[in-house]
């Protein structure tokens, strides 16, 4: 399935996307917002894409802008019984930060999750320093659920992880 917005297109993540993504994944500033802080090369990115594409409870998309892959997004830990999932997004290419792409990606993924997959609850986790992600989530009606205190240590500094969620009822009320 391909999801089209005005600023970007979400396509199923392909092994061929690894070459473009690996150009950016080792950027130190980007690593501040990612869970994975280890060095990655194209081969490792290809292997990761192969692994995740075989999982039945994860749906990964590449984020494309003007025919260029600039990041990835995912609904993962999909629980088809409880109808819940977790959302993730990473815009690897910093040239595309602060251009509304993250907002559009979230909008497209919420539509996919709630309208296509029939999910009831979509959760996200954001490092407390990631003010952009938290603001975008709030804009779409995500509710603060909690804080994982000192859930991450990066460069010797601990930070909390903010946990937020959006329920299908709130989505339908605000976006239908």
N, C-alpha and C. Protein backbone atom coordinates (compact mmCIF):
# COMPACT_ATOMS: atom_id res chain seq x y z
N UNK A 1 0.84 -1.17 0.00
CA UNK A 1 0.00 0.00 0.00
C UNK A 1 0.89 1.24 0.00
N UNK A 2 0.49 2.22 -0.75
CA UNK A 2 1.20 3.51 -0.82
C UNK A 2 0.27 4.57 -0.26
N UNK A 3 0.79 5.38 0.66
CA UNK A 3 0.01 6.45 1.29
C UNK A 3 0.55 7.78 0.79
N UNK A 4 -0.33 8.58 0.19
CA UNK A 4 0.11 9.83 -0.42
C UNK A 4 -0.40 11.03 0.35
N UNK A 5 0.51 11.94 0.63
CA UNK A 5 0.18 13.22 1.23
C UNK A 5 0.56 14.33 0.28
N UNK A 6 0.44 15.56 0.72
CA UNK A 6 0.82 16.70 -0.12
C UNK A 6 2.33 16.92 -0.14
N UNK A 7 2.99 16.60 0.98
CA UNK A 7 4.43 16.84 1.09
C UNK A 7 5.27 15.58 0.88
N UNK A 8 4.67 14.42 1.15
CA UNK A 8 5.46 13.19 1.10
C UNK A 8 4.59 12.01 0.70
N UNK A 9 5.27 10.93 0.37
CA UNK A 9 4.63 9.66 0.03
C UNK A 9 5.24 8.60 0.93
N UNK A 10 4.39 7.74 1.47
CA UNK A 10 4.87 6.60 2.26
C UNK A 10 4.72 5.35 1.43
N UNK A 11 5.85 4.65 1.24
CA UNK A 11 5.87 3.42 0.45
C UNK A 11 6.43 2.29 1.30
N UNK A 12 6.05 1.05 0.99
CA UNK A 12 6.66 -0.06 1.74
C UNK A 12 8.19 0.04 1.69
N UNK A 13 8.81 -0.14 2.83
CA UNK A 13 10.27 -0.04 2.93
C UNK A 13 10.92 -1.16 2.13
N UNK A 14 11.87 -0.79 1.28
CA UNK A 14 12.56 -1.74 0.40
C UNK A 14 14.04 -1.82 0.78
N UNK A 15 14.65 -2.95 0.51
CA UNK A 15 16.08 -3.12 0.76
C UNK A 15 16.88 -2.06 0.01
N UNK A 16 16.42 -1.69 -1.17
CA UNK A 16 17.12 -0.68 -1.96
C UNK A 16 17.13 0.70 -1.28
N UNK A 17 16.25 0.93 -0.30
CA UNK A 17 16.24 2.20 0.44
C UNK A 17 17.43 2.32 1.38
N UNK A 18 18.05 1.21 1.71
CA UNK A 18 19.14 1.20 2.70
C UNK A 18 20.29 2.09 2.29
N UNK A 19 20.61 2.14 1.02
CA UNK A 19 21.75 2.94 0.57
C UNK A 19 21.54 4.42 0.89
N UNK A 20 20.35 4.93 0.62
CA UNK A 20 20.06 6.34 0.90
C UNK A 20 20.00 6.59 2.42
N UNK A 21 19.33 5.70 3.14
CA UNK A 21 19.18 5.89 4.59
C UNK A 21 20.52 5.81 5.31
N UNK A 22 21.40 4.94 4.86
CA UNK A 22 22.68 4.78 5.56
C UNK A 22 23.59 5.99 5.41
N UNK A 23 23.29 6.89 4.46
CA UNK A 23 24.06 8.13 4.33
C UNK A 23 23.89 9.01 5.57
N UNK A 24 22.74 8.89 6.22
CA UNK A 24 22.39 9.82 7.30
C UNK A 24 22.39 9.20 8.69
N UNK A 25 22.26 7.88 8.78
CA UNK A 25 21.97 7.24 10.06
C UNK A 25 23.06 7.40 11.10
N UNK A 26 24.26 7.70 10.69
CA UNK A 26 25.35 7.85 11.65
C UNK A 26 25.58 9.30 12.08
N UNK A 27 24.72 10.20 11.65
CA UNK A 27 24.83 11.60 12.03
C UNK A 27 24.59 11.74 13.54
N UNK A 28 25.52 12.38 14.23
CA UNK A 28 25.45 12.47 15.69
C UNK A 28 24.19 13.21 16.16
N UNK A 29 23.80 14.25 15.46
CA UNK A 29 22.60 14.99 15.85
C UNK A 29 21.35 14.13 15.68
N UNK A 30 21.28 13.36 14.62
CA UNK A 30 20.15 12.45 14.42
C UNK A 30 20.09 11.40 15.52
N UNK A 31 21.24 10.88 15.92
CA UNK A 31 21.29 9.84 16.96
C UNK A 31 20.68 10.33 18.28
N UNK A 32 20.65 11.64 18.50
CA UNK A 32 20.03 12.17 19.71
C UNK A 32 18.55 11.80 19.80
N UNK A 33 17.93 11.54 18.66
CA UNK A 33 16.50 11.26 18.61
C UNK A 33 16.18 9.79 18.34
N UNK A 34 17.20 8.96 18.14
CA UNK A 34 17.00 7.55 17.82
C UNK A 34 17.35 6.67 19.01
N UNK A 35 16.71 5.52 19.08
CA UNK A 35 17.05 4.55 20.12
C UNK A 35 18.39 3.90 19.85
N UNK A 36 18.71 3.67 18.59
CA UNK A 36 19.94 2.99 18.21
C UNK A 36 21.08 4.00 18.10
N UNK A 37 22.07 3.87 18.96
CA UNK A 37 23.20 4.79 18.93
C UNK A 37 24.46 4.16 18.34
N UNK A 38 24.35 2.91 17.90
CA UNK A 38 25.52 2.22 17.35
C UNK A 38 25.73 2.59 15.88
N UNK A 39 26.98 2.50 15.40
CA UNK A 39 27.26 2.78 13.99
C UNK A 39 26.53 1.78 13.10
N UNK A 40 26.06 2.26 11.97
CA UNK A 40 25.35 1.43 11.00
C UNK A 40 25.96 1.65 9.63
N UNK A 41 26.05 0.59 8.83
CA UNK A 41 26.47 0.73 7.44
C UNK A 41 25.35 0.23 6.54
N UNK A 42 25.54 0.32 5.25
CA UNK A 42 24.49 -0.07 4.30
C UNK A 42 24.11 -1.53 4.45
N UNK A 43 25.09 -2.40 4.62
CA UNK A 43 24.79 -3.82 4.79
C UNK A 43 23.91 -4.06 6.01
N UNK A 44 24.24 -3.43 7.13
CA UNK A 44 23.45 -3.60 8.34
C UNK A 44 22.03 -3.07 8.16
N UNK A 45 21.90 -1.95 7.48
CA UNK A 45 20.57 -1.37 7.21
C UNK A 45 19.76 -2.31 6.31
N UNK A 46 20.42 -2.91 5.30
CA UNK A 46 19.73 -3.87 4.42
C UNK A 46 19.23 -5.07 5.23
N UNK A 47 20.08 -5.58 6.10
CA UNK A 47 19.69 -6.73 6.92
C UNK A 47 18.54 -6.39 7.86
N UNK A 48 18.57 -5.20 8.42
CA UNK A 48 17.47 -4.76 9.29
C UNK A 48 16.16 -4.70 8.50
N UNK A 49 16.20 -4.15 7.31
CA UNK A 49 15.00 -4.06 6.47
C UNK A 49 14.49 -5.46 6.14
N UNK A 50 15.38 -6.38 5.82
CA UNK A 50 14.95 -7.76 5.54
C UNK A 50 14.25 -8.38 6.75
N UNK A 51 14.83 -8.18 7.92
CA UNK A 51 14.25 -8.75 9.15
C UNK A 51 12.87 -8.18 9.45
N UNK A 52 12.75 -6.86 9.44
CA UNK A 52 11.48 -6.25 9.84
C UNK A 52 10.38 -6.50 8.81
N UNK A 53 10.77 -6.69 7.55
CA UNK A 53 9.75 -6.92 6.52
C UNK A 53 9.08 -8.28 6.65
N UNK A 54 9.67 -9.16 7.44
CA UNK A 54 9.10 -10.50 7.64
C UNK A 54 8.21 -10.58 8.88
N UNK A 55 8.12 -9.52 9.64
CA UNK A 55 7.32 -9.54 10.86
C UNK A 55 5.86 -9.20 10.54
N UNK A 56 4.96 -9.99 11.10
CA UNK A 56 3.54 -9.77 10.84
C UNK A 56 2.93 -8.71 11.75
N UNK A 57 3.68 -8.26 12.75
CA UNK A 57 3.13 -7.25 13.66
C UNK A 57 3.86 -5.91 13.55
N UNK A 58 4.50 -5.67 12.41
CA UNK A 58 5.17 -4.41 12.15
C UNK A 58 4.94 -4.00 10.70
N UNK A 59 4.64 -2.73 10.50
CA UNK A 59 4.43 -2.21 9.15
C UNK A 59 5.34 -1.00 8.96
N UNK A 60 6.38 -1.17 8.16
CA UNK A 60 7.36 -0.12 7.91
C UNK A 60 7.12 0.53 6.55
N UNK A 61 7.30 1.83 6.51
CA UNK A 61 7.23 2.59 5.27
C UNK A 61 8.48 3.45 5.14
N UNK A 62 8.91 3.68 3.90
CA UNK A 62 9.90 4.71 3.65
C UNK A 62 9.13 6.01 3.47
N UNK A 63 9.77 7.11 3.83
CA UNK A 63 9.20 8.44 3.63
C UNK A 63 9.93 9.04 2.43
N UNK A 64 9.17 9.35 1.38
CA UNK A 64 9.77 9.91 0.18
C UNK A 64 9.28 11.33 -0.06
N UNK A 65 10.23 12.20 -0.40
CA UNK A 65 9.93 13.57 -0.77
C UNK A 65 10.64 13.82 -2.09
N UNK A 66 9.90 14.23 -3.11
CA UNK A 66 10.49 14.48 -4.44
C UNK A 66 11.34 13.29 -4.91
N UNK A 67 10.79 12.08 -4.77
CA UNK A 67 11.43 10.84 -5.20
C UNK A 67 12.73 10.51 -4.46
N UNK A 68 12.93 11.11 -3.29
CA UNK A 68 14.11 10.83 -2.48
C UNK A 68 13.65 10.27 -1.13
N UNK A 69 14.25 9.17 -0.71
CA UNK A 69 13.94 8.60 0.60
C UNK A 69 14.63 9.46 1.66
N UNK A 70 13.81 10.01 2.59
CA UNK A 70 14.35 10.91 3.61
C UNK A 70 14.20 10.35 5.02
N UNK A 71 13.49 9.21 5.16
CA UNK A 71 13.30 8.64 6.49
C UNK A 71 12.42 7.41 6.46
N UNK A 72 12.03 6.98 7.65
CA UNK A 72 11.16 5.81 7.78
C UNK A 72 10.10 6.07 8.84
N UNK A 73 9.02 5.32 8.76
CA UNK A 73 7.97 5.36 9.77
C UNK A 73 7.43 3.95 9.95
N UNK A 74 6.84 3.71 11.12
CA UNK A 74 6.44 2.34 11.44
C UNK A 74 5.27 2.33 12.41
N UNK A 75 4.41 1.36 12.26
CA UNK A 75 3.51 0.92 13.32
C UNK A 75 4.06 -0.43 13.73
N UNK A 76 4.45 -0.57 14.99
CA UNK A 76 5.06 -1.81 15.44
C UNK A 76 4.42 -2.28 16.73
N UNK A 77 4.82 -3.50 17.14
CA UNK A 77 4.19 -4.12 18.30
C UNK A 77 2.67 -4.13 18.11
N UNK A 78 2.23 -4.37 16.87
CA UNK A 78 0.79 -4.41 16.61
C UNK A 78 0.20 -5.63 17.31
N UNK A 79 -0.78 -5.37 18.14
CA UNK A 79 -1.49 -6.43 18.87
C UNK A 79 -2.89 -6.48 18.26
N UNK A 80 -3.13 -7.51 17.45
CA UNK A 80 -4.40 -7.60 16.73
C UNK A 80 -5.56 -8.00 17.63
N UNK A 81 -5.29 -8.53 18.82
CA UNK A 81 -6.35 -8.88 19.76
C UNK A 81 -6.79 -7.62 20.52
N UNK A 82 -5.83 -6.93 21.13
CA UNK A 82 -6.14 -5.71 21.88
C UNK A 82 -6.27 -4.49 20.98
N UNK A 83 -5.95 -4.66 19.69
CA UNK A 83 -6.08 -3.61 18.68
C UNK A 83 -5.28 -2.35 19.08
N UNK A 84 -4.00 -2.57 19.38
CA UNK A 84 -3.14 -1.45 19.74
C UNK A 84 -1.80 -1.59 19.03
N UNK A 85 -1.10 -0.46 18.95
CA UNK A 85 0.19 -0.43 18.26
C UNK A 85 1.01 0.74 18.80
N UNK A 86 2.29 0.70 18.45
CA UNK A 86 3.17 1.82 18.76
C UNK A 86 3.64 2.45 17.45
N UNK A 87 3.75 3.77 17.44
CA UNK A 87 4.16 4.53 16.26
C UNK A 87 5.59 5.01 16.41
N UNK A 88 6.32 5.00 15.30
CA UNK A 88 7.65 5.57 15.28
C UNK A 88 7.91 6.27 13.96
N UNK A 89 8.75 7.27 13.99
CA UNK A 89 9.12 8.00 12.78
C UNK A 89 10.53 8.53 12.95
N UNK A 90 11.28 8.54 11.86
CA UNK A 90 12.61 9.15 11.85
C UNK A 90 12.84 9.78 10.49
N UNK A 91 13.04 11.07 10.49
CA UNK A 91 13.43 11.77 9.26
C UNK A 91 14.93 11.91 9.34
N UNK A 92 15.61 11.06 8.58
CA UNK A 92 17.07 10.95 8.65
C UNK A 92 17.77 12.16 8.03
N UNK A 93 17.24 12.64 6.92
CA UNK A 93 17.87 13.73 6.19
C UNK A 93 17.45 15.05 6.83
N UNK A 94 18.39 15.73 7.50
CA UNK A 94 18.07 16.94 8.25
C UNK A 94 17.59 18.09 7.38
N UNK A 95 17.83 18.04 6.08
CA UNK A 95 17.32 19.08 5.19
C UNK A 95 15.79 19.12 5.21
N UNK A 96 15.17 18.04 5.66
CA UNK A 96 13.71 17.94 5.66
C UNK A 96 13.11 18.10 7.06
N UNK A 97 13.91 18.49 8.02
CA UNK A 97 13.39 18.78 9.36
C UNK A 97 12.67 20.13 9.34
N UNK A 98 11.68 20.28 10.18
CA UNK A 98 10.94 21.54 10.35
C UNK A 98 10.26 22.01 9.06
N UNK A 99 9.80 21.06 8.27
CA UNK A 99 9.10 21.41 7.04
C UNK A 99 7.68 20.82 7.00
N UNK A 100 7.20 20.32 8.15
CA UNK A 100 5.85 19.77 8.21
C UNK A 100 5.73 18.33 7.75
N UNK A 101 6.85 17.72 7.42
CA UNK A 101 6.80 16.34 6.92
C UNK A 101 6.44 15.38 8.05
N UNK A 102 7.00 15.57 9.23
CA UNK A 102 6.67 14.72 10.37
C UNK A 102 5.19 14.76 10.69
N UNK A 103 4.59 15.94 10.63
CA UNK A 103 3.15 16.08 10.87
C UNK A 103 2.35 15.31 9.83
N UNK A 104 2.75 15.44 8.58
CA UNK A 104 2.02 14.73 7.53
C UNK A 104 2.19 13.22 7.65
N UNK A 105 3.37 12.77 8.00
CA UNK A 105 3.61 11.34 8.19
C UNK A 105 2.70 10.82 9.30
N UNK A 106 2.64 11.53 10.42
CA UNK A 106 1.78 11.08 11.52
C UNK A 106 0.33 11.04 11.08
N UNK A 107 -0.12 12.04 10.36
CA UNK A 107 -1.50 12.07 9.87
C UNK A 107 -1.79 10.85 8.98
N UNK A 108 -0.89 10.55 8.07
CA UNK A 108 -1.08 9.40 7.17
C UNK A 108 -1.06 8.09 7.94
N UNK A 109 -0.16 7.97 8.91
CA UNK A 109 -0.07 6.73 9.69
C UNK A 109 -1.26 6.54 10.62
N UNK A 110 -1.80 7.63 11.15
CA UNK A 110 -3.01 7.52 11.97
C UNK A 110 -4.18 7.04 11.11
N UNK A 111 -4.28 7.61 9.93
CA UNK A 111 -5.35 7.18 9.02
C UNK A 111 -5.19 5.70 8.69
N UNK A 112 -3.99 5.28 8.37
CA UNK A 112 -3.73 3.88 8.06
C UNK A 112 -4.05 2.98 9.26
N UNK A 113 -3.56 3.35 10.43
CA UNK A 113 -3.76 2.53 11.61
C UNK A 113 -5.21 2.43 12.03
N UNK A 114 -5.90 3.57 12.11
CA UNK A 114 -7.28 3.56 12.59
C UNK A 114 -8.27 3.14 11.51
N UNK A 115 -8.09 3.62 10.28
CA UNK A 115 -9.08 3.37 9.24
C UNK A 115 -8.85 2.07 8.47
N UNK A 116 -7.63 1.69 8.24
CA UNK A 116 -7.33 0.49 7.45
C UNK A 116 -7.14 -0.73 8.36
N UNK A 117 -6.28 -0.59 9.38
CA UNK A 117 -5.99 -1.73 10.26
C UNK A 117 -7.03 -1.92 11.37
N UNK A 118 -7.82 -0.89 11.65
CA UNK A 118 -8.82 -1.00 12.70
C UNK A 118 -8.24 -0.99 14.10
N UNK A 119 -7.10 -0.34 14.27
CA UNK A 119 -6.46 -0.25 15.58
C UNK A 119 -7.29 0.68 16.48
N UNK A 120 -7.30 0.40 17.76
CA UNK A 120 -8.05 1.21 18.73
C UNK A 120 -7.16 2.19 19.48
N UNK A 121 -5.88 1.87 19.64
CA UNK A 121 -4.98 2.72 20.42
C UNK A 121 -3.61 2.75 19.78
N UNK A 122 -3.11 3.95 19.51
CA UNK A 122 -1.77 4.12 18.97
C UNK A 122 -0.96 4.92 19.99
N UNK A 123 0.16 4.34 20.38
CA UNK A 123 1.03 4.94 21.39
C UNK A 123 2.34 5.38 20.75
N UNK A 124 2.97 6.35 21.35
CA UNK A 124 4.33 6.71 20.94
C UNK A 124 5.15 7.04 22.16
N UNK A 125 6.44 6.91 22.00
CA UNK A 125 7.41 7.30 23.02
C UNK A 125 8.34 8.32 22.39
N UNK A 126 8.63 9.37 23.14
CA UNK A 126 9.54 10.40 22.65
C UNK A 126 10.49 10.79 23.77
N UNK A 127 11.76 10.96 23.43
CA UNK A 127 12.70 11.47 24.42
C UNK A 127 12.26 12.88 24.78
N UNK A 128 12.37 13.25 26.03
CA UNK A 128 11.85 14.54 26.49
C UNK A 128 12.48 15.71 25.73
N UNK A 129 13.67 15.55 25.19
CA UNK A 129 14.32 16.61 24.42
C UNK A 129 13.70 16.79 23.03
N UNK A 130 12.95 15.80 22.59
CA UNK A 130 12.37 15.85 21.24
C UNK A 130 11.06 16.65 21.27
N UNK A 131 11.21 17.94 21.47
CA UNK A 131 10.05 18.83 21.59
C UNK A 131 9.19 18.83 20.33
N UNK A 132 9.82 18.68 19.17
CA UNK A 132 9.05 18.67 17.91
C UNK A 132 8.07 17.51 17.89
N UNK A 133 8.53 16.30 18.25
CA UNK A 133 7.65 15.13 18.22
C UNK A 133 6.51 15.28 19.22
N UNK A 134 6.84 15.76 20.41
CA UNK A 134 5.82 15.93 21.44
C UNK A 134 4.77 16.95 20.98
N UNK A 135 5.21 18.06 20.38
CA UNK A 135 4.28 19.09 19.90
C UNK A 135 3.39 18.56 18.78
N UNK A 136 3.97 17.80 17.86
CA UNK A 136 3.17 17.23 16.76
C UNK A 136 2.14 16.26 17.32
N UNK A 137 2.55 15.42 18.26
CA UNK A 137 1.61 14.46 18.86
C UNK A 137 0.46 15.19 19.55
N UNK A 138 0.77 16.24 20.29
CA UNK A 138 -0.28 17.01 20.96
C UNK A 138 -1.22 17.64 19.95
N UNK A 139 -0.68 18.12 18.84
CA UNK A 139 -1.50 18.73 17.79
C UNK A 139 -2.55 17.75 17.26
N UNK A 140 -2.18 16.48 17.22
CA UNK A 140 -3.09 15.45 16.71
C UNK A 140 -3.94 14.81 17.81
N UNK A 141 -3.87 15.36 19.01
CA UNK A 141 -4.74 14.89 20.09
C UNK A 141 -4.18 13.80 20.98
N UNK A 142 -2.89 13.48 20.82
CA UNK A 142 -2.28 12.49 21.70
C UNK A 142 -2.32 13.01 23.13
N UNK A 143 -2.54 12.12 24.07
CA UNK A 143 -2.65 12.45 25.48
C UNK A 143 -1.42 11.93 26.21
N UNK A 144 -0.88 12.74 27.10
CA UNK A 144 0.24 12.33 27.94
C UNK A 144 -0.23 11.21 28.86
N UNK A 145 0.48 10.09 28.84
CA UNK A 145 0.13 8.96 29.70
C UNK A 145 1.12 8.74 30.83
N UNK A 146 2.35 9.12 30.58
CA UNK A 146 3.33 8.88 31.63
C UNK A 146 4.74 9.23 31.19
N UNK A 147 5.64 8.93 32.07
CA UNK A 147 7.04 9.28 31.88
C UNK A 147 7.88 8.12 32.39
N UNK A 148 8.74 7.64 31.54
CA UNK A 148 9.71 6.62 31.97
C UNK A 148 10.93 7.40 32.45
N UNK A 149 11.05 7.52 33.76
CA UNK A 149 12.10 8.35 34.34
C UNK A 149 13.48 7.79 34.02
N UNK A 150 14.34 8.69 33.55
CA UNK A 150 15.71 8.34 33.18
C UNK A 150 15.75 7.09 32.30
N UNK A 151 14.82 7.04 31.35
CA UNK A 151 14.70 5.87 30.47
C UNK A 151 15.78 5.78 29.41
N UNK A 152 16.56 6.83 29.28
CA UNK A 152 17.62 6.82 28.28
C UNK A 152 18.83 7.58 28.82
N UNK A 153 19.98 7.04 28.50
CA UNK A 153 21.23 7.75 28.79
C UNK A 153 21.97 7.89 27.47
N UNK A 154 22.30 9.12 27.11
CA UNK A 154 23.00 9.41 25.86
C UNK A 154 24.09 10.42 26.18
N UNK A 155 25.32 10.09 25.82
CA UNK A 155 26.48 10.94 26.09
C UNK A 155 26.58 11.25 27.59
N UNK A 156 26.24 10.27 28.41
CA UNK A 156 26.37 10.42 29.84
C UNK A 156 25.25 11.19 30.52
N UNK A 157 24.28 11.66 29.76
CA UNK A 157 23.19 12.44 30.33
C UNK A 157 21.89 11.63 30.27
N UNK A 158 21.22 11.52 31.39
CA UNK A 158 19.96 10.78 31.41
C UNK A 158 18.81 11.69 31.03
N UNK A 159 17.80 11.10 30.42
CA UNK A 159 16.59 11.84 30.08
C UNK A 159 15.39 10.92 30.19
N UNK A 160 14.25 11.54 30.39
CA UNK A 160 13.01 10.79 30.51
C UNK A 160 12.44 10.49 29.12
N UNK A 161 11.63 9.45 29.07
CA UNK A 161 10.91 9.11 27.86
C UNK A 161 9.44 9.42 28.12
N UNK A 162 8.86 10.24 27.26
CA UNK A 162 7.47 10.65 27.38
C UNK A 162 6.61 9.64 26.62
N UNK A 163 5.55 9.17 27.28
CA UNK A 163 4.63 8.19 26.69
C UNK A 163 3.30 8.88 26.45
N UNK A 164 2.82 8.79 25.19
CA UNK A 164 1.56 9.43 24.80
C UNK A 164 0.75 8.45 23.96
N UNK A 165 -0.56 8.67 23.91
CA UNK A 165 -1.38 7.80 23.05
C UNK A 165 -2.59 8.55 22.52
N UNK A 166 -3.15 7.97 21.47
CA UNK A 166 -4.39 8.46 20.86
C UNK A 166 -5.31 7.28 20.68
N UNK A 167 -6.55 7.44 21.10
CA UNK A 167 -7.56 6.38 20.94
C UNK A 167 -8.37 6.61 19.68
N UNK A 168 -8.91 5.52 19.14
CA UNK A 168 -9.72 5.60 17.93
C UNK A 168 -10.90 6.54 18.10
N UNK A 169 -11.57 6.51 19.24
CA UNK A 169 -12.72 7.40 19.47
C UNK A 169 -12.31 8.86 19.31
N UNK A 170 -11.14 9.23 19.85
CA UNK A 170 -10.67 10.62 19.73
C UNK A 170 -10.30 10.94 18.29
N UNK A 171 -9.69 9.98 17.60
CA UNK A 171 -9.35 10.17 16.19
C UNK A 171 -10.60 10.43 15.38
N UNK A 172 -11.60 9.57 15.52
CA UNK A 172 -12.83 9.72 14.73
C UNK A 172 -13.55 11.02 15.07
N UNK A 173 -13.53 11.41 16.32
CA UNK A 173 -14.21 12.63 16.74
C UNK A 173 -13.53 13.86 16.14
N UNK A 174 -12.20 13.84 16.06
CA UNK A 174 -11.46 15.03 15.62
C UNK A 174 -11.10 15.05 14.14
N UNK A 175 -11.06 13.89 13.49
CA UNK A 175 -10.51 13.87 12.12
C UNK A 175 -11.42 13.23 11.08
N UNK A 176 -12.63 12.87 11.43
CA UNK A 176 -13.49 12.23 10.42
C UNK A 176 -14.30 13.27 9.67
